[in-house]
Amino acid sequence: MPSSSLADVDPRPFPGGTDQCRTAVAESLVAAQQRELPFRHWLMRDVLPREVAAELDRLPFAAPDLGGVSGTREAHNATRTYFDAETLARFPVCRHVAECFQDDATVARIAAATGADLDGCYLRIEFAQDTGPFWLKPHTDLGVKRYTLLYYLSPEDSPELGTDLYENADTWALRAPFEPGAALAFVPSDRTWHGFEPRPLPVVRKSVILNYVTDAWIAREQLAFPDRPVVQA
């Protein structure tokens, strides 16, 4: 991502804040639908306030050209965008979202709702823009990731763009609904196989990928607050 200066800081007033984000997340967790197949996961709606979602959707990051290469996100590490220190300084909406998920109360609510062990983890948020042809091979996120939330932005309701869930590495099970403002969440385990089946993308598929990762995460520059582990109160 290009370096920023004071001139790059978004000057627009932001019609929301950390408190509004925190309230929306709390309400979404309460209303979440818990599903057991093919593995335990949660379907959430209205995870963030609508004005926040709209601001995220308008972030001025260019969609990367994948050059026909796909299968893993790691294949394009050089063009990935994170809510890192630079992005938080430039865009108030990104800062408010990050502060919401860094907040002790939000962390405690997620842990209570899902059983995730988040104490001492670090917040990592990626702004993803997928362009076709695109696919992700089935993977579990098991390892240093303790919680995964896939929050969908745009386009409008497009069921065919949802995340694919699998019984195992070779057996497709179902597709999560892709609705703006909705999310798929799960606690990584050896059963949480998910990916994206190869299919054309007629538009840019925007989403926010949120993880809480352990201190073993090597790429500290990707973290929202690399020196501040979250506290599971």
Protein backbone atom coordinates (compact mmCIF):
# COMPACT_ATOMS: atom_id res chain seq x y z
CA MET A 1 0.00 0.00 0.00
CA PRO A 2 1.41 3.44 -0.83
CA SER A 3 2.79 5.48 2.03
CA SER A 4 0.55 8.18 3.48
CA SER A 5 1.01 11.78 4.51
CA LEU A 6 -1.18 14.23 6.37
CA ALA A 7 -2.70 15.16 3.01
CA ASP A 8 -3.88 11.57 2.61
CA VAL A 9 -5.99 11.60 5.76
CA ASP A 10 -9.69 11.35 4.96
CA PRO A 11 -11.08 14.79 5.93
CA ARG A 12 -14.77 13.84 5.86
CA PRO A 13 -16.73 13.73 9.12
CA PHE A 14 -17.65 10.19 10.04
CA PRO A 15 -21.33 9.62 10.92
CA GLY A 16 -20.66 6.95 13.52
CA GLY A 17 -18.14 5.89 16.08
CA THR A 18 -16.70 3.14 18.20
CA ASP A 19 -19.69 3.06 20.53
CA GLN A 20 -22.15 2.62 17.66
CA CYS A 21 -20.01 -0.18 16.24
CA ARG A 22 -19.78 -1.87 19.62
CA THR A 23 -23.57 -1.75 20.08
CA ALA A 24 -24.20 -3.21 16.63
CA VAL A 25 -21.74 -6.05 17.17
CA ALA A 26 -23.29 -6.88 20.54
CA GLU A 27 -26.80 -7.00 19.07
CA SER A 28 -25.64 -9.06 16.11
CA LEU A 29 -24.01 -11.61 18.39
CA VAL A 30 -27.23 -12.00 20.38
CA ALA A 31 -29.28 -12.52 17.21
CA ALA A 32 -26.74 -14.78 15.46
CA GLN A 33 -27.92 -18.12 14.09
CA GLN A 34 -25.75 -20.98 15.30
CA ARG A 35 -25.45 -23.84 12.81
CA GLU A 36 -23.78 -27.20 13.46
CA LEU A 37 -23.24 -28.50 9.93
CA PRO A 38 -20.83 -29.07 8.37
CA PHE A 39 -19.13 -27.58 11.45
CA ARG A 40 -20.22 -25.15 14.12
CA HIS A 41 -20.53 -21.65 12.73
CA TRP A 42 -22.59 -18.53 13.18
CA LEU A 43 -24.50 -16.49 10.61
CA MET A 44 -24.75 -12.85 11.64
CA ARG A 45 -26.57 -9.86 10.20
CA ASP A 46 -26.13 -6.11 10.58
CA VAL A 47 -22.77 -6.68 12.25
CA LEU A 48 -21.87 -3.00 11.90
CA PRO A 49 -24.07 0.10 11.49
CA ARG A 50 -25.21 0.70 7.92
CA GLU A 51 -23.36 3.99 7.65
CA VAL A 52 -20.18 2.21 8.71
CA ALA A 53 -20.70 -0.51 6.11
CA ALA A 54 -21.25 2.17 3.45
CA GLU A 55 -18.02 3.94 4.43
CA LEU A 56 -16.07 0.69 4.33
CA ASP A 57 -17.50 -0.07 0.91
CA ARG A 58 -16.24 3.32 -0.33
CA LEU A 59 -12.66 2.92 0.86
CA PRO A 60 -10.44 4.08 -2.03
CA PHE A 61 -8.29 1.01 -2.37
CA ALA A 62 -7.87 -0.32 -5.89
CA ALA A 63 -8.87 -3.92 -6.44
CA PRO A 64 -5.70 -5.92 -7.13
CA ASP A 65 -5.13 -7.65 -10.43
CA LEU A 66 -4.72 -11.31 -9.53
CA GLY A 67 -3.22 -12.12 -12.91
CA GLY A 68 -5.18 -15.35 -13.13
CA VAL A 69 -3.38 -16.75 -10.08
CA SER A 70 -5.57 -18.00 -7.26
CA GLY A 71 -6.00 -20.77 -4.72
CA THR A 72 -4.65 -19.01 -1.62
CA ARG A 73 -4.66 -15.41 -0.43
CA GLU A 74 -0.99 -15.78 0.45
CA ALA A 75 -0.21 -15.92 -3.28
CA HIS A 76 -0.91 -12.17 -3.39
CA ASN A 77 0.63 -10.97 -0.13
CA ALA A 78 2.22 -7.98 -1.85
CA THR A 79 -1.15 -6.47 -2.81
CA ARG A 80 -3.22 -7.24 0.30
CA THR A 81 -4.69 -4.40 2.38
CA TYR A 82 -4.92 -4.40 6.17
CA PHE A 83 -6.31 -2.16 8.87
CA ASP A 84 -2.78 -1.49 10.01
CA ALA A 85 -1.43 1.59 11.79
CA GLU A 86 -1.23 3.58 8.56
CA THR A 87 -4.77 2.75 7.48
CA LEU A 88 -6.18 3.52 10.94
CA ALA A 89 -4.50 6.92 10.82
CA ARG A 90 -5.87 7.72 7.36
CA PHE A 91 -9.47 6.53 7.65
CA PRO A 92 -11.65 7.20 10.72
CA VAL A 93 -14.07 4.41 9.80
CA CYS A 94 -11.26 1.86 9.91
CA ARG A 95 -10.08 3.19 13.26
CA HIS A 96 -13.56 2.96 14.78
CA VAL A 97 -14.06 -0.61 13.55
CA ALA A 98 -10.67 -1.66 14.89
CA GLU A 99 -11.25 0.03 18.24
CA CYS A 100 -14.61 -1.73 18.51
CA PHE A 101 -13.10 -5.19 18.06
CA GLN A 102 -10.14 -4.32 20.28
CA ASP A 103 -12.54 -3.27 23.06
CA ASP A 104 -12.57 -5.51 26.15
CA ALA A 105 -16.37 -5.73 26.19
CA THR A 106 -16.58 -6.78 22.54
CA VAL A 107 -13.86 -9.39 23.03
CA ALA A 108 -15.68 -10.75 26.08
CA ARG A 109 -18.99 -10.96 24.19
CA ILE A 110 -17.43 -12.84 21.27
CA ALA A 111 -15.71 -15.25 23.66
CA ALA A 112 -18.92 -15.85 25.61
CA ALA A 113 -20.99 -16.39 22.46
CA THR A 114 -18.56 -18.74 20.72
CA GLY A 115 -16.28 -20.26 23.36
CA ALA A 116 -13.22 -18.80 21.65
CA ASP A 117 -10.13 -18.32 23.82
CA LEU A 118 -9.09 -14.79 22.87
CA ASP A 119 -7.19 -13.51 25.88
CA GLY A 120 -3.78 -12.22 24.83
CA CYS A 121 -4.57 -12.41 21.11
CA TYR A 122 -4.04 -9.64 18.57
CA LEU A 123 -6.51 -8.11 16.14
CA ARG A 124 -5.90 -8.58 12.42
CA ILE A 125 -8.32 -7.10 9.88
CA GLU A 126 -7.97 -7.43 6.12
CA PHE A 127 -9.91 -5.48 3.49
CA ALA A 128 -10.36 -8.00 0.67
CA GLN A 129 -11.39 -7.30 -2.91
CA ASP A 130 -11.68 -10.43 -5.00
CA THR A 131 -11.76 -10.32 -8.78
CA GLY A 132 -12.21 -13.14 -11.22
CA PRO A 133 -11.13 -15.69 -11.95
CA PHE A 134 -10.85 -16.41 -8.25
CA TRP A 135 -10.94 -19.41 -5.95
CA LEU A 136 -9.65 -20.52 -2.58
CA LYS A 137 -8.78 -24.10 -1.81
CA PRO A 138 -10.44 -25.57 1.31
CA HIS A 139 -8.55 -24.73 4.51
CA THR A 140 -9.36 -24.62 8.22
CA ASP A 141 -7.61 -21.51 9.64
CA LEU A 142 -6.41 -23.80 12.44
CA GLY A 143 -3.14 -22.70 13.97
CA VAL A 144 -2.47 -19.19 15.22
CA LYS A 145 -5.98 -17.96 14.38
CA ARG A 146 -8.38 -18.19 17.33
CA TYR A 147 -11.47 -16.61 15.71
CA THR A 148 -12.53 -15.85 12.14
CA LEU A 149 -15.26 -13.47 11.01
CA LEU A 150 -15.94 -12.97 7.30
CA TYR A 151 -17.96 -9.77 6.93
CA TYR A 152 -19.51 -9.13 3.53
CA LEU A 153 -19.73 -5.67 1.95
CA SER A 154 -20.75 -5.68 -1.69
CA PRO A 155 -22.25 -6.24 -4.18
CA GLU A 156 -25.91 -6.43 -3.16
CA ASP A 157 -27.40 -9.79 -2.25
CA SER A 158 -25.41 -12.27 -4.35
CA PRO A 159 -25.88 -15.80 -2.97
CA GLU A 160 -23.39 -17.20 -5.46
CA LEU A 161 -20.58 -15.14 -3.91
CA GLY A 162 -20.82 -16.64 -0.42
CA THR A 163 -18.08 -18.63 1.30
CA ASP A 164 -18.14 -22.37 0.65
CA LEU A 165 -18.15 -24.76 3.62
CA TYR A 166 -16.92 -28.35 3.45
CA GLU A 167 -17.32 -31.63 5.31
CA ASN A 168 -13.61 -32.22 4.80
CA ALA A 169 -10.88 -31.09 2.44
CA ASP A 170 -12.56 -32.89 -0.48
CA THR A 171 -16.30 -32.74 0.19
CA TRP A 172 -18.35 -29.60 -0.45
CA ALA A 173 -21.32 -29.11 1.89
CA LEU A 174 -22.99 -25.72 1.45
CA ARG A 175 -22.53 -22.06 0.63
CA ALA A 176 -23.00 -19.32 3.21
CA PRO A 177 -25.32 -16.53 2.08
CA PHE A 178 -23.59 -13.41 0.78
CA GLU A 179 -25.55 -10.41 2.03
CA PRO A 180 -24.08 -6.94 2.59
CA GLY A 181 -23.71 -6.35 6.33
CA ALA A 182 -23.87 -10.06 7.12
CA ALA A 183 -21.05 -12.31 8.29
CA LEU A 184 -19.95 -15.89 8.72
CA ALA A 185 -18.04 -16.56 11.95
CA PHE A 186 -16.38 -19.62 13.44
CA VAL A 187 -13.75 -20.76 15.90
CA PRO A 188 -11.01 -22.51 13.88
CA SER A 189 -10.63 -26.23 14.48
CA ASP A 190 -9.57 -29.26 12.46
CA ARG A 191 -13.13 -29.37 11.07
CA THR A 192 -13.62 -25.77 9.91
CA TRP A 193 -12.98 -26.40 6.22
CA HIS A 194 -13.95 -23.40 4.11
CA GLY A 195 -12.92 -21.87 0.80
CA PHE A 196 -14.30 -20.51 -2.44
CA GLU A 197 -15.17 -22.82 -5.33
CA PRO A 198 -13.83 -21.71 -8.73
CA ARG A 199 -16.42 -19.55 -10.46
CA PRO A 200 -16.50 -16.29 -12.40
CA LEU A 201 -16.82 -13.03 -10.50
CA PRO A 202 -18.73 -10.50 -12.62
CA VAL A 203 -18.07 -7.78 -10.05
CA VAL A 204 -15.55 -7.02 -7.30
CA ARG A 205 -16.36 -9.13 -4.24
CA LYS A 206 -15.63 -6.96 -1.19
CA SER A 207 -15.34 -8.28 2.33
CA VAL A 208 -13.59 -7.67 5.63
CA ILE A 209 -11.70 -10.64 7.07
CA LEU A 210 -11.28 -10.34 10.82
CA ASN A 211 -9.12 -12.64 12.93
CA TYR A 212 -7.85 -12.75 16.47
CA VAL A 213 -4.40 -14.33 16.27
CA THR A 214 -1.95 -15.50 18.89
CA ASP A 215 1.38 -13.90 19.73
CA ALA A 216 2.99 -16.39 17.35
CA TRP A 217 1.74 -14.35 14.39
CA ILE A 218 4.90 -13.31 12.54
CA ALA A 219 3.69 -10.49 10.28
CA ARG A 220 3.22 -7.90 13.02
CA GLU A 221 2.84 -5.09 10.47
CA GLN A 222 -0.56 -6.54 9.53
CA LEU A 223 -1.98 -6.11 13.02
CA ALA A 224 -4.23 -3.22 14.01
CA PHE A 225 -2.53 -2.78 17.38
CA PRO A 226 0.69 -4.82 17.29
CA ASP A 227 1.69 -3.80 20.82
CA ARG A 228 -1.73 -4.26 22.44
CA PRO A 229 -3.07 -7.76 22.99
CA VAL A 230 -6.81 -7.97 23.61
CA VAL A 231 -8.16 -8.69 27.08
CA GLN A 232 -10.92 -11.23 27.55
CA ALA A 233 -12.50 -9.74 30.65
